[in-house]
Protein backbone atom coordinates (compact mmCIF):
# COMPACT_ATOMS: atom_id res chain seq x y z
CA MET A 1 27.91 7.31 -4.24
CA LYS A 2 25.80 10.32 -3.37
CA ASN A 3 22.98 9.70 -0.92
CA ILE A 4 19.87 11.48 -2.20
CA GLU A 5 18.00 13.21 0.61
CA ARG A 6 14.93 15.35 0.98
CA ILE A 7 13.31 17.25 3.91
CA VAL A 8 9.53 17.26 4.27
CA ARG A 9 7.98 19.67 6.76
CA ILE A 10 4.75 18.69 8.47
CA LYS A 11 3.32 20.92 11.18
CA ASP A 12 6.48 21.76 13.26
CA THR A 13 8.34 18.57 12.32
CA GLU A 14 11.19 18.21 9.80
CA CYS A 15 11.10 14.74 8.25
CA LEU A 16 14.46 13.80 6.68
CA VAL A 17 14.37 10.97 4.21
CA ASN A 18 17.27 9.53 2.28
CA MET A 19 18.40 6.29 0.66
CA ASN A 20 19.45 4.89 4.08
CA GLN A 21 16.16 5.93 5.73
CA PRO A 22 13.59 6.03 2.84
CA VAL A 23 10.57 6.37 5.21
CA PHE A 24 10.35 8.73 8.21
CA ARG A 25 8.02 7.39 10.89
CA TRP A 26 5.66 10.05 12.19
CA PRO A 27 6.62 10.66 15.88
CA ASP A 28 3.05 10.48 17.07
CA ASN A 29 2.19 7.09 15.56
CA PRO A 30 -0.25 5.46 15.65
CA ILE A 31 -2.54 7.98 13.92
CA LEU A 32 -5.49 5.61 14.43
CA SER A 33 -5.86 2.84 17.02
CA PRO A 34 -8.65 0.51 18.18
CA THR A 35 -9.02 2.73 21.24
CA ASP A 36 -9.83 5.70 18.96
CA VAL A 37 -12.46 3.63 17.10
CA ASN A 38 -14.05 2.31 20.30
CA LYS A 39 -14.53 5.81 21.61
CA VAL A 40 -16.93 6.28 18.63
CA TRP A 41 -18.35 2.82 18.14
CA THR A 42 -19.53 2.34 21.74
CA SER A 43 -21.95 -0.55 21.38
CA PRO A 44 -20.59 -3.79 22.88
CA GLY A 45 -21.23 -5.60 19.56
CA MET A 46 -19.20 -3.04 17.65
CA GLN A 47 -16.05 -2.82 19.83
CA VAL A 48 -12.95 -3.62 17.79
CA ILE A 49 -9.51 -5.00 18.58
CA THR A 50 -7.69 -3.71 15.49
CA ALA A 51 -7.71 -0.64 13.13
CA HIS A 52 -5.30 -1.11 10.26
CA ASN A 53 -4.70 -1.61 6.50
CA ALA A 54 -6.46 1.44 5.27
CA GLY A 55 -7.09 2.74 1.78
CA THR A 56 -6.79 6.55 1.43
CA THR A 57 -7.81 9.19 -1.05
CA LYS A 58 -8.57 12.89 -1.45
CA PHE A 59 -12.23 13.84 -1.52
CA ASN A 60 -13.29 17.46 -1.93
CA ASP A 61 -11.50 19.41 0.77
CA GLU A 62 -10.64 16.47 3.03
CA LEU A 63 -8.83 13.16 3.12
CA ILE A 64 -10.67 9.90 3.44
CA MET A 65 -9.43 6.69 5.11
CA LEU A 66 -11.24 3.40 4.77
CA PHE A 67 -9.73 1.23 7.49
CA ARG A 68 -10.11 -2.47 8.40
CA SER A 69 -11.15 -3.43 11.94
CA HIS A 70 -11.58 -6.82 13.53
CA LEU A 71 -14.65 -7.01 15.76
CA ARG A 72 -14.15 -9.02 18.88
CA ASN A 73 -15.83 -11.98 17.19
CA GLY A 74 -12.99 -12.10 14.63
CA ILE A 75 -14.90 -10.77 11.62
CA SER A 76 -13.50 -7.78 9.80
CA ILE A 77 -15.49 -4.72 8.80
CA ILE A 78 -14.50 -1.43 7.16
CA GLY A 79 -14.66 1.95 8.91
CA LEU A 80 -14.25 5.45 7.63
CA ALA A 81 -12.12 8.26 9.06
CA ARG A 82 -11.59 11.84 7.83
CA SER A 83 -8.76 14.37 8.03
CA ARG A 84 -7.86 17.86 6.90
CA ASN A 85 -4.06 17.50 7.16
CA GLY A 86 -3.41 13.76 6.76
CA VAL A 87 -2.15 13.44 10.34
CA ASP A 88 -5.15 14.02 12.64
CA TRP A 89 -8.15 11.71 11.94
CA SER A 90 -11.73 11.47 13.19
CA VAL A 91 -13.86 8.31 12.89
CA ASP A 92 -17.39 8.30 11.42
CA GLU A 93 -20.11 7.14 13.79
CA LYS A 94 -21.00 4.09 11.63
CA PRO A 95 -18.91 1.59 9.65
CA ALA A 96 -18.70 2.21 5.90
CA MET A 97 -19.01 -1.41 4.88
CA VAL A 98 -19.95 -4.65 6.61
CA PRO A 99 -20.48 -8.14 5.14
CA VAL A 100 -23.76 -8.36 3.13
CA ASN A 101 -23.89 -11.95 1.96
CA GLU A 102 -22.37 -15.40 2.40
CA ASP A 103 -19.45 -14.60 0.06
CA GLU A 104 -18.46 -11.80 2.49
CA ALA A 105 -19.63 -13.27 5.79
CA GLY A 106 -16.10 -14.16 6.82
CA GLY A 107 -15.14 -10.51 6.72
CA VAL A 108 -14.36 -7.59 4.39
CA GLU A 109 -10.74 -6.39 4.53
CA ASP A 110 -7.90 -4.36 3.13
CA PRO A 111 -9.69 -1.71 0.92
CA ARG A 112 -7.83 0.12 -1.78
CA ILE A 113 -9.24 3.28 -3.32
CA THR A 114 -8.68 4.54 -6.83
CA LYS A 115 -10.29 7.65 -8.27
CA ILE A 116 -11.01 7.82 -12.00
CA ASP A 117 -13.02 10.81 -13.17
CA ASP A 118 -15.76 11.31 -10.61
CA THR A 119 -15.94 7.73 -9.36
CA TYR A 120 -14.02 6.11 -6.50
CA TYR A 121 -13.34 2.42 -7.15
CA ILE A 122 -12.77 0.35 -3.99
CA THR A 123 -11.29 -3.09 -4.17
CA TYR A 124 -11.45 -5.16 -1.02
CA SER A 125 -10.89 -8.74 0.06
CA ALA A 126 -14.12 -10.64 0.85
CA TYR A 127 -13.89 -13.87 2.79
CA HIS A 128 -16.49 -16.60 2.47
CA GLY A 129 -18.54 -17.27 5.59
CA MET A 130 -18.08 -21.03 5.65
CA GLU A 131 -15.17 -21.97 3.34
CA LYS A 132 -11.86 -21.39 5.17
CA ASP A 133 -9.42 -19.16 3.34
CA ARG A 134 -11.67 -18.67 0.28
CA VAL A 135 -11.15 -15.03 -0.63
CA ARG A 136 -12.28 -13.05 -3.66
CA VAL A 137 -11.33 -9.46 -4.23
CA SER A 138 -14.55 -7.62 -4.74
CA LEU A 139 -15.48 -4.14 -6.03
CA ALA A 140 -17.51 -1.27 -4.58
CA THR A 141 -17.97 2.23 -6.06
CA THR A 142 -18.96 5.50 -4.57
CA GLN A 143 -19.07 9.18 -5.45
CA ASN A 144 -19.71 10.60 -2.00
CA PHE A 145 -18.48 8.12 0.63
CA ARG A 146 -21.96 7.92 2.10
CA GLU A 147 -23.49 5.35 -0.27
CA PHE A 148 -21.54 2.40 -1.65
CA THR A 149 -22.58 0.25 -4.57
CA ARG A 150 -21.44 -3.38 -4.39
CA HIS A 151 -20.46 -5.07 -7.66
CA GLY A 152 -19.36 -8.43 -6.32
CA PRO A 153 -16.08 -10.20 -7.11
CA LEU A 154 -13.81 -8.73 -9.74
CA LEU A 155 -13.13 -12.27 -11.00
CA ASP A 156 -14.56 -15.70 -10.26
CA VAL A 157 -11.24 -16.93 -8.91
CA ASP A 158 -9.51 -16.44 -5.59
CA MET A 159 -7.46 -13.21 -5.39
CA ARG A 160 -5.92 -11.57 -2.39
CA ASN A 161 -4.60 -8.17 -3.58
CA VAL A 162 -5.82 -6.10 -6.56
CA VAL A 163 -4.85 -2.41 -7.11
CA ILE A 164 -6.17 -0.32 -9.97
CA PHE A 165 -4.15 2.37 -11.71
CA PRO A 166 -5.88 5.76 -11.40
CA GLU A 167 -5.81 6.53 -15.12
CA VAL A 168 -6.89 4.97 -18.46
CA ILE A 169 -3.75 3.87 -20.23
CA ASP A 170 -3.74 3.12 -23.97
CA GLY A 171 -7.55 2.75 -23.84
CA ASN A 172 -7.61 0.27 -20.96
CA TYR A 173 -8.10 0.24 -17.21
CA ILE A 174 -5.11 -1.55 -15.74
CA ALA A 175 -4.64 -3.34 -12.43
CA LEU A 176 -2.00 -5.41 -10.58
CA PHE A 177 -3.14 -8.80 -9.21
CA ARG A 178 -1.77 -11.22 -6.58
CA PRO A 179 -3.62 -14.55 -6.76
CA ASN A 180 -4.47 -16.47 -3.61
CA ASP A 181 -2.74 -19.79 -3.10
CA HIS A 182 -3.62 -22.48 -0.56
CA THR A 183 -0.21 -23.39 0.79
CA LYS A 184 -0.20 -24.29 4.49
CA ASN A 185 1.98 -21.33 5.51
CA HIS A 186 0.51 -18.77 3.11
CA THR A 187 3.92 -18.30 1.46
CA GLY A 188 5.59 -19.67 -1.69
CA GLY A 189 3.79 -20.81 -4.85
CA ILE A 190 1.81 -18.08 -6.63
CA PHE A 191 2.10 -15.96 -3.50
CA LYS A 192 5.44 -14.97 -5.07
CA GLN A 193 3.90 -13.44 -8.22
CA ILE A 194 2.27 -10.18 -9.28
CA LEU A 195 0.29 -10.21 -12.50
CA ILE A 196 -0.98 -7.38 -14.67
CA GLY A 197 -4.47 -7.24 -16.23
CA ARG A 198 -6.54 -4.98 -18.46
CA THR A 199 -10.23 -4.37 -19.06
CA GLN A 200 -12.46 -1.98 -21.07
CA LYS A 201 -14.80 -1.55 -18.10
CA ILE A 202 -13.94 -2.14 -14.48
CA GLU A 203 -17.39 -3.25 -13.44
CA ASN A 204 -17.84 -5.96 -16.11
CA ARG A 205 -15.68 -8.71 -14.46
CA LYS A 206 -13.91 -9.31 -17.78
CA TRP A 207 -10.31 -8.73 -16.93
CA LYS A 208 -7.67 -10.09 -19.36
CA ILE A 209 -4.78 -11.09 -17.07
CA GLU A 210 -1.42 -11.89 -18.60
CA ASN A 211 -0.14 -15.37 -17.71
CA ARG A 212 3.43 -14.25 -17.30
CA PRO A 213 4.10 -12.37 -14.09
CA ILE A 214 5.59 -8.87 -14.24
CA MET A 215 7.10 -9.45 -10.76
CA GLN A 216 8.25 -12.70 -9.34
CA GLN A 217 10.59 -14.12 -6.76
CA ALA A 218 12.51 -17.26 -7.79
CA GLY A 219 13.11 -18.43 -4.24
CA GLY A 220 16.65 -17.14 -3.46
CA PRO A 221 17.62 -15.16 -0.30
CA SER A 222 15.69 -11.92 -0.29
CA SER A 223 13.57 -9.71 2.02
CA PHE A 224 10.79 -10.49 -0.46
CA GLY A 225 11.80 -14.09 -1.10
CA ASP A 226 8.61 -15.93 0.00
CA LYS A 227 5.73 -13.61 -0.76
CA ILE A 228 4.98 -10.37 -2.63
CA GLY A 229 1.84 -8.41 -3.38
CA PRO A 230 0.71 -4.97 -4.49
CA GLY A 231 -0.05 -2.58 -1.63
CA ALA A 232 -1.21 0.94 -2.38
CA PRO A 233 -2.66 1.84 -5.77
CA PRO A 234 0.14 3.06 -8.07
CA ILE A 235 1.12 6.74 -7.66
CA LYS A 236 1.76 8.86 -10.78
CA THR A 237 5.01 10.90 -10.71
CA ARG A 238 7.13 12.64 -13.35
CA TYR A 239 9.27 9.54 -13.38
CA GLY A 240 6.54 6.97 -13.96
CA TRP A 241 4.23 4.98 -11.68
CA LEU A 242 5.43 4.20 -8.19
CA ASN A 243 4.16 0.94 -6.79
CA ILE A 244 4.62 0.43 -3.04
CA PHE A 245 4.30 -3.34 -2.50
CA HIS A 246 4.75 -5.79 0.39
CA GLY A 247 7.11 -8.66 0.69
CA VAL A 248 7.76 -11.51 3.09
CA ARG A 249 10.82 -13.57 3.99
CA SER A 250 10.00 -16.67 6.09
CA THR A 251 12.10 -17.01 9.24
CA MET A 252 12.30 -19.41 12.16
CA ASP A 253 10.23 -16.82 14.08
CA GLY A 254 7.46 -16.24 11.55
CA ASN A 255 6.93 -14.26 8.38
CA PRO A 256 8.00 -10.60 8.75
CA TYR A 257 6.39 -8.23 6.25
CA VAL A 258 8.36 -5.41 4.74
CA LEU A 259 7.47 -2.66 2.20
CA GLY A 260 9.19 -2.39 -1.13
CA VAL A 261 9.00 -0.14 -4.16
CA ALA A 262 8.88 -0.58 -7.89
CA LEU A 263 8.87 1.99 -10.71
CA HIS A 264 6.63 1.27 -13.71
CA ASP A 265 6.93 2.79 -17.17
CA PRO A 266 4.39 5.66 -17.50
CA ASP A 267 2.97 4.40 -20.84
CA ASP A 268 3.54 0.68 -20.48
CA PRO A 269 3.17 -0.37 -16.79
CA GLY A 270 4.22 -3.97 -17.63
CA LYS A 271 7.76 -2.58 -17.85
CA LEU A 272 9.31 -1.86 -14.44
CA LYS A 273 12.28 -1.54 -12.18
CA VAL A 274 12.15 -3.02 -8.70
CA SER A 275 14.31 -1.89 -5.80
CA ASN A 276 16.12 -4.82 -4.22
CA ILE A 277 16.23 -2.82 -0.97
CA PRO A 278 13.01 -2.57 1.05
CA ILE A 279 11.89 0.91 2.13
CA LEU A 280 10.45 -0.07 5.51
CA PHE A 281 11.03 -2.98 7.99
CA PRO A 282 8.78 -3.61 10.99
CA SER A 283 9.93 -2.32 14.37
CA THR A 284 8.60 -2.05 17.90
CA SER A 285 7.60 1.60 17.22
CA ASP A 286 5.04 0.40 14.65
CA CYS A 287 2.58 -0.97 17.28
CA ARG A 288 2.38 1.29 20.30
CA VAL A 289 -0.48 -0.01 22.39
CA ALA A 290 -1.24 -0.41 26.03
CA GLU A 291 0.26 -3.35 27.85
CA THR A 292 -3.11 -5.08 28.09
CA ASP A 293 -4.19 -4.36 24.45
CA TYR A 294 -4.40 -7.11 21.83
CA VAL A 295 -1.68 -7.42 19.08
CA HIS A 296 -2.91 -9.29 16.06
CA VAL A 297 0.17 -10.31 13.94
CA PRO A 298 3.72 -9.37 15.05
CA HIS A 299 6.43 -8.14 12.68
CA VAL A 300 4.19 -6.68 10.01
CA VAL A 301 4.12 -3.39 8.06
CA PHE A 302 1.43 -3.36 5.37
CA THR A 303 -0.02 -0.59 3.19
CA CYS A 304 -3.23 -0.21 1.23
CA GLY A 305 -2.93 3.52 0.64
CA ALA A 306 -0.40 6.27 -0.09
CA LEU A 307 -0.99 9.87 -1.13
CA ARG A 308 1.36 12.12 -3.12
CA ASN A 309 1.64 15.80 -2.23
CA GLU A 310 2.46 18.68 -4.61
CA ASP A 311 6.02 18.88 -3.41
CA GLY A 312 6.69 15.28 -4.33
CA SER A 313 6.44 14.03 -0.79
CA ILE A 314 4.37 10.90 -0.21
CA PHE A 315 2.33 9.91 2.80
CA ILE A 316 2.35 6.18 3.28
CA TYR A 317 -0.48 4.93 5.51
CA TYR A 318 0.56 1.58 6.86
CA GLY A 319 -0.73 -0.95 9.41
CA GLY A 320 1.54 -1.97 12.25
CA ASN A 321 1.34 -5.59 13.38
CA ASP A 322 -2.10 -5.73 11.75
CA THR A 323 -3.26 -3.77 14.80
CA VAL A 324 -2.90 0.01 14.37
CA MET A 325 -2.62 2.65 11.59
CA ASN A 326 0.63 4.53 11.13
CA LEU A 327 1.95 7.34 8.95
CA GLY A 328 5.27 7.13 7.15
CA ILE A 329 6.67 10.10 5.13
CA THR A 330 8.84 9.64 2.05
CA HIS A 331 9.65 11.46 -1.20
CA GLU A 332 9.38 10.29 -4.82
CA ASP A 333 12.98 11.33 -5.61
CA VAL A 334 14.31 8.95 -2.98
CA LEU A 335 12.11 6.04 -3.99
CA VAL A 336 12.86 6.41 -7.67
CA GLU A 337 16.56 6.53 -6.97
CA LEU A 338 16.45 3.29 -5.02
CA CYS A 339 14.83 1.61 -8.04
CA ASN A 340 17.48 3.06 -10.41
CA ARG A 341 20.59 2.40 -8.31
CA PHE A 342 19.73 -0.84 -6.49
CA PRO A 343 17.52 -2.85 -8.86
CA GLN A 344 16.70 -6.50 -8.87
CA ASP A 345 15.65 -8.73 -11.74
CA PRO A 346 11.85 -8.32 -11.73
CA LEU A 347 11.32 -12.01 -12.52
CA THR A 348 13.81 -13.64 -10.19
CA GLY A 349 14.58 -11.15 -7.42
CA ILE A 350 18.33 -11.43 -8.04
CA PRO A 351 20.14 -8.19 -7.32
CA GLN A 352 21.49 -6.37 -10.40
CA TYR A 353 24.05 -4.11 -8.72
CA LYS A 354 27.45 -4.56 -7.12
CA MET A 355 27.35 -4.87 -3.37
CA THR A 356 30.39 -2.67 -2.65
C-alpha cells in the first residue's frame, strides 16, 4: 500500500508528513508559553501559569490567536496574540476576554473562531462561579478583534465543545456539539458523542440539535474509546470538510488525549468518514518548559484552531499538557487518505479495514 507523503516548506525547514507521521512538530515548539505572556502581562495579578488551547483565524494581513491562560488563582482568561507567518507570535498588552458575570466567573476557556462574511463568531466555554463543573458554551462576536460583543450561552444546557462551520450550508448555519456530562472521571456517557445542529441565526439561541449522534464510541478498545469532542472548526477542502477532533482512552495512568480526523460530506456534513488512526499522540516534546515551571495536565494534545494554506498544507495549533501552545504541520491529502483507507464505523468506533 502506497504511503502518501507531502513536503511543506516553512522558513528554512522542510516538513515531511505522511500516513505514518501525519503531523510534523515544529522544531521550535512551543510557539507561545506562559513565560512569553508574563513578559507582557507584568502585573502580579495578571501573571499566568499556562498559555494553551487557542482558536486561530486570518484577519486582514495578519493571523490572530485567542489563547486560554490560567491566572495563578486558577481562573482562566483569554488573551490575544498576532503573527505574520503563523510561527512567530506577539502578545497583546491586555487580555481579550475575562469573566464578566457569575455564569463566567469560574473562567472563560477554549475559544474557537469561525469567520462568516465580515463577522468572527467565537465560541468559548464559560464556567459558573459557584457551581462546580457547570459549563455553558457561550458566544461572542467581533469584526476587529478590539471590541467583543457577548451574546451569552448558545444553549440553556451544559455543553463543553461547540464548533461552527464557516459557511452557510443548505440555508442553515451548522455546528458540531459535545454535551457536558457529570461522570466522576469526565469520561464515558455522553462524553463519547458528537452531535450536529442547525439554526437560521447563530445569535438567536435556537439550535435544532439532532438526537442521534453523528460520531460515537461504543466502548470497545480505541484511542478514542472513552471520550471524543470537536476540536478546531471544520476546514473546507476540495474533498469535503476536515474535522480535527480530540479523543481519550482511559488508562491506569490517567486519560491521554490524542487528535483524530474525520472527513464530512461537503453538502451534507452529517455524513462522514472517521479515521480509526489518530494523527497526533502526546509526547515529551509537546511541553518544553523550565524545570521549575508548572505543568497543568500531563499527556494531552488538544486543538481549538487550525488554518489551511493555499498549497493544501494545514497548520494545527495545539496545546501541550494544557500548558503551552505548539504548532503542528500537516497536509489535507494525507489526512483525507487516512479517512479513506483506515476508517472506523462513525457510530461504534469499530475499525472497518483489515489490519494486515
